[in-house]
Amino acid sequence: MKNWIYIFFLSVIFSTGISFCATGCSFKKVDSEEITMSFYPPKKSASEVAYLEQVTQPHELIGYVTVNTERNQKLTDILELMKREAAILGGDAIVNIQVNSSGFWKKLPPQQLLGNAYIRANYKADIIAYQ
């Protein structure tokens, strides 16, 4: 009876450890900084926020959004996180996306299965509101 309890206890500890290791690879941290004194009501959804490479109409810079994650993440997922945070601040669009201050998206070569586990990247964008 004692052996069964001991084996069960070890299997629970082992399963918990494996689940922590597996979920630790998908860590994403989203931060924002509001820099305006004007109030912009939050958007109802991230779909109301656009990603623009160039802005052609009058606007105000209202803040910044930063996403810290692994470099092997899909850019569409990063953009969605940025849009969600911009919607909370009342932004109409995100512009000027930079990766590790390089100013452009980087395409990385294929990595080994665990070779990319500790390579992180910061994606930063400006949040604007139209005037």
C-alpha atoms as a PDB file:
ATOM      1  CA  MET A   1       0.000   0.000   0.000  1.00  0.00           C
ATOM      2  CA  LYS A   2       2.837   2.396   0.867  1.00  0.00           C
ATOM      3  CA  ASN A   3       4.528   1.770  -2.499  1.00  0.00           C
ATOM      4  CA  TRP A   4       1.344   2.722  -4.368  1.00  0.00           C
ATOM      5  CA  ILE A   5       1.056   6.023  -2.453  1.00  0.00           C
ATOM      6  CA  TYR A   6       4.750   6.757  -3.035  1.00  0.00           C
ATOM      7  CA  ILE A   7       4.440   6.095  -6.794  1.00  0.00           C
ATOM      8  CA  PHE A   8       1.275   8.208  -7.005  1.00  0.00           C
ATOM      9  CA  PHE A   9       2.968  11.090  -5.142  1.00  0.00           C
ATOM     10  CA  LEU A  10       6.017  10.977  -7.453  1.00  0.00           C
ATOM     11  CA  SER A  11       3.860  10.867 -10.585  1.00  0.00           C
ATOM     12  CA  VAL A  12       1.896  13.933  -9.439  1.00  0.00           C
ATOM     13  CA  ILE A  13       5.112  15.856  -8.775  1.00  0.00           C
ATOM     14  CA  PHE A  14       6.572  14.762 -12.125  1.00  0.00           C
ATOM     15  CA  SER A  15       3.386  15.713 -14.028  1.00  0.00           C
ATOM     16  CA  THR A  16       3.270  19.113 -12.335  1.00  0.00           C
ATOM     17  CA  GLY A  17       6.906  19.776 -13.199  1.00  0.00           C
ATOM     18  CA  ILE A  18       6.389  18.829 -16.845  1.00  0.00           C
ATOM     19  CA  SER A  19       3.320  21.078 -17.126  1.00  0.00           C
ATOM     20  CA  PHE A  20       5.253  24.044 -15.662  1.00  0.00           C
ATOM     21  CA  CYS A  21       8.072  23.494 -18.153  1.00  0.00           C
ATOM     22  CA  ALA A  22       5.692  23.205 -21.092  1.00  0.00           C
ATOM     23  CA  THR A  23       3.696  26.317 -20.261  1.00  0.00           C
ATOM     24  CA  GLY A  24       6.748  28.413 -19.414  1.00  0.00           C
ATOM     25  CA  CYS A  25       7.649  28.708 -23.100  1.00  0.00           C
ATOM     26  CA  SER A  26       4.569  30.734 -23.987  1.00  0.00           C
ATOM     27  CA  PHE A  27       5.166  33.702 -21.666  1.00  0.00           C
ATOM     28  CA  LYS A  28       4.106  37.082 -23.022  1.00  0.00           C
ATOM     29  CA  LYS A  29       4.243  40.376 -21.150  1.00  0.00           C
ATOM     30  CA  VAL A  30       2.285  43.394 -22.389  1.00  0.00           C
ATOM     31  CA  ASP A  31       2.914  46.878 -20.991  1.00  0.00           C
ATOM     32  CA  SER A  32       1.611  50.270 -21.994  1.00  0.00           C
ATOM     33  CA  GLU A  33       2.450  53.845 -21.134  1.00  0.00           C
ATOM     34  CA  GLU A  34      -0.018  56.681 -21.556  1.00  0.00           C
ATOM     35  CA  ILE A  35       1.677  60.037 -22.276  1.00  0.00           C
ATOM     36  CA  THR A  36      -1.237  62.398 -22.933  1.00  0.00           C
ATOM     37  CA  MET A  37      -3.411  64.408 -20.596  1.00  0.00           C
ATOM     38  CA  SER A  38      -6.376  64.125 -22.994  1.00  0.00           C
ATOM     39  CA  PHE A  39      -9.044  61.492 -22.402  1.00  0.00           C
ATOM     40  CA  TYR A  40      -9.849  58.986 -25.134  1.00  0.00           C
ATOM     41  CA  PRO A  41     -12.618  56.489 -24.366  1.00  0.00           C
ATOM     42  CA  PRO A  42     -11.607  52.830 -24.658  1.00  0.00           C
ATOM     43  CA  LYS A  43     -12.590  50.958 -27.814  1.00  0.00           C
ATOM     44  CA  LYS A  44     -15.048  48.089 -27.577  1.00  0.00           C
ATOM     45  CA  SER A  45     -12.674  45.637 -29.264  1.00  0.00           C
ATOM     46  CA  ALA A  46      -9.180  45.343 -30.700  1.00  0.00           C
ATOM     47  CA  SER A  47     -10.677  45.153 -34.203  1.00  0.00           C
ATOM     48  CA  GLU A  48     -11.364  48.908 -33.987  1.00  0.00           C
ATOM     49  CA  VAL A  49      -7.604  49.584 -33.786  1.00  0.00           C
ATOM     50  CA  ALA A  50      -5.635  49.592 -37.041  1.00  0.00           C
ATOM     51  CA  TYR A  51      -1.989  48.851 -37.746  1.00  0.00           C
ATOM     52  CA  LEU A  52      -0.570  51.519 -40.068  1.00  0.00           C
ATOM     53  CA  GLU A  53       2.863  51.842 -41.608  1.00  0.00           C
ATOM     54  CA  GLN A  54       2.293  55.542 -42.341  1.00  0.00           C
ATOM     55  CA  VAL A  55      -0.208  58.016 -40.916  1.00  0.00           C
ATOM     56  CA  THR A  56      -1.782  60.432 -43.400  1.00  0.00           C
ATOM     57  CA  GLN A  57      -4.277  62.276 -41.204  1.00  0.00           C
ATOM     58  CA  PRO A  58      -3.854  64.543 -38.151  1.00  0.00           C
ATOM     59  CA  HIS A  59      -3.264  62.573 -34.968  1.00  0.00           C
ATOM     60  CA  GLU A  60      -1.917  62.753 -31.438  1.00  0.00           C
ATOM     61  CA  LEU A  61       0.597  60.350 -29.903  1.00  0.00           C
ATOM     62  CA  ILE A  62      -1.169  59.099 -26.783  1.00  0.00           C
ATOM     63  CA  GLY A  63       1.144  56.343 -25.600  1.00  0.00           C
ATOM     64  CA  TYR A  64       3.342  53.346 -26.210  1.00  0.00           C
ATOM     65  CA  VAL A  65       2.740  49.614 -26.054  1.00  0.00           C
ATOM     66  CA  THR A  66       5.485  47.035 -25.470  1.00  0.00           C
ATOM     67  CA  VAL A  67       5.211  43.270 -25.860  1.00  0.00           C
ATOM     68  CA  ASN A  68       7.992  41.058 -24.494  1.00  0.00           C
ATOM     69  CA  THR A  69       7.899  37.490 -25.795  1.00  0.00           C
ATOM     70  CA  GLU A  70       9.896  34.775 -27.531  1.00  0.00           C
ATOM     71  CA  ARG A  71      11.170  35.653 -30.984  1.00  0.00           C
ATOM     72  CA  ASN A  72       9.454  32.664 -32.572  1.00  0.00           C
ATOM     73  CA  GLN A  73       5.955  34.132 -32.061  1.00  0.00           C
ATOM     74  CA  LYS A  74       3.750  34.926 -35.059  1.00  0.00           C
ATOM     75  CA  LEU A  75       3.632  38.614 -35.918  1.00  0.00           C
ATOM     76  CA  THR A  76      -0.155  38.465 -36.181  1.00  0.00           C
ATOM     77  CA  ASP A  77      -0.295  37.357 -32.533  1.00  0.00           C
ATOM     78  CA  ILE A  78       2.001  40.218 -31.477  1.00  0.00           C
ATOM     79  CA  LEU A  79      -0.124  42.727 -33.406  1.00  0.00           C
ATOM     80  CA  GLU A  80      -3.294  41.412 -31.765  1.00  0.00           C
ATOM     81  CA  LEU A  81      -1.794  41.885 -28.290  1.00  0.00           C
ATOM     82  CA  MET A  82      -0.700  45.417 -29.200  1.00  0.00           C
ATOM     83  CA  LYS A  83      -4.108  46.301 -30.637  1.00  0.00           C
ATOM     84  CA  ARG A  84      -5.867  45.008 -27.531  1.00  0.00           C
ATOM     85  CA  GLU A  85      -3.725  47.203 -25.282  1.00  0.00           C
ATOM     86  CA  ALA A  86      -4.142  50.218 -27.600  1.00  0.00           C
ATOM     87  CA  ALA A  87      -7.926  49.729 -27.497  1.00  0.00           C
ATOM     88  CA  ILE A  88      -7.862  49.985 -23.707  1.00  0.00           C
ATOM     89  CA  LEU A  89      -6.085  53.360 -23.968  1.00  0.00           C
ATOM     90  CA  GLY A  90      -8.548  54.582 -26.614  1.00  0.00           C
ATOM     91  CA  GLY A  91      -6.101  54.494 -29.514  1.00  0.00           C
ATOM     92  CA  ASP A  92      -7.227  54.452 -33.137  1.00  0.00           C
ATOM     93  CA  ALA A  93      -4.039  52.896 -34.531  1.00  0.00           C
ATOM     94  CA  ILE A  94      -0.606  51.516 -33.729  1.00  0.00           C
ATOM     95  CA  VAL A  95       2.351  52.735 -35.788  1.00  0.00           C
ATOM     96  CA  ASN A  96       6.130  52.704 -35.833  1.00  0.00           C
ATOM     97  CA  ILE A  97       6.620  49.125 -34.626  1.00  0.00           C
ATOM     98  CA  GLN A  98      10.181  48.398 -33.538  1.00  0.00           C
ATOM     99  CA  VAL A  99      11.839  45.139 -32.568  1.00  0.00           C
ATOM    100  CA  ASN A 100      14.677  45.468 -30.052  1.00  0.00           C
ATOM    101  CA  SER A 101      15.126  49.088 -31.193  1.00  0.00           C
ATOM    102  CA  SER A 102      16.128  47.946 -34.685  1.00  0.00           C
ATOM    103  CA  GLY A 103      13.047  49.510 -36.289  1.00  0.00           C
ATOM    104  CA  PHE A 104      12.034  46.566 -38.493  1.00  0.00           C
ATOM    105  CA  TRP A 105      10.709  43.028 -38.222  1.00  0.00           C
ATOM    106  CA  LYS A 106      13.408  40.337 -38.157  1.00  0.00           C
ATOM    107  CA  LYS A 107      12.998  36.975 -39.863  1.00  0.00           C
ATOM    108  CA  LEU A 108      14.979  34.425 -37.860  1.00  0.00           C
ATOM    109  CA  PRO A 109      16.410  31.184 -39.222  1.00  0.00           C
ATOM    110  CA  PRO A 110      14.749  27.950 -38.040  1.00  0.00           C
ATOM    111  CA  GLN A 111      15.790  27.001 -34.519  1.00  0.00           C
ATOM    112  CA  GLN A 112      16.178  23.668 -32.811  1.00  0.00           C
ATOM    113  CA  LEU A 113      13.230  22.480 -30.747  1.00  0.00           C
ATOM    114  CA  LEU A 114      14.534  24.012 -27.513  1.00  0.00           C
ATOM    115  CA  GLY A 115      17.159  26.284 -29.053  1.00  0.00           C
ATOM    116  CA  ASN A 116      14.903  29.341 -28.996  1.00  0.00           C
ATOM    117  CA  ALA A 117      13.622  28.908 -25.442  1.00  0.00           C
ATOM    118  CA  TYR A 118      15.597  31.764 -23.896  1.00  0.00           C
ATOM    119  CA  ILE A 119      15.739  34.192 -26.839  1.00  0.00           C
ATOM    120  CA  ARG A 120      13.350  37.056 -26.095  1.00  0.00           C
ATOM    121  CA  ALA A 121      12.340  40.096 -28.096  1.00  0.00           C
ATOM    122  CA  ASN A 122      10.745  43.418 -27.263  1.00  0.00           C
ATOM    123  CA  TYR A 123       8.191  44.758 -29.738  1.00  0.00           C
ATOM    124  CA  LYS A 124       7.345  48.421 -29.178  1.00  0.00           C
ATOM    125  CA  ALA A 125       4.790  50.572 -31.016  1.00  0.00           C
ATOM    126  CA  ASP A 126       3.334  54.069 -30.817  1.00  0.00           C
ATOM    127  CA  ILE A 127      -0.377  54.412 -30.040  1.00  0.00           C
ATOM    128  CA  ILE A 128      -2.111  57.279 -31.814  1.00  0.00           C
ATOM    129  CA  ALA A 129      -5.575  58.814 -31.760  1.00  0.00           C
ATOM    130  CA  TYR A 130      -7.009  60.744 -34.691  1.00  0.00           C
ATOM    131  CA  GLN A 131      -7.922  64.376 -34.142  1.00  0.00           C
END
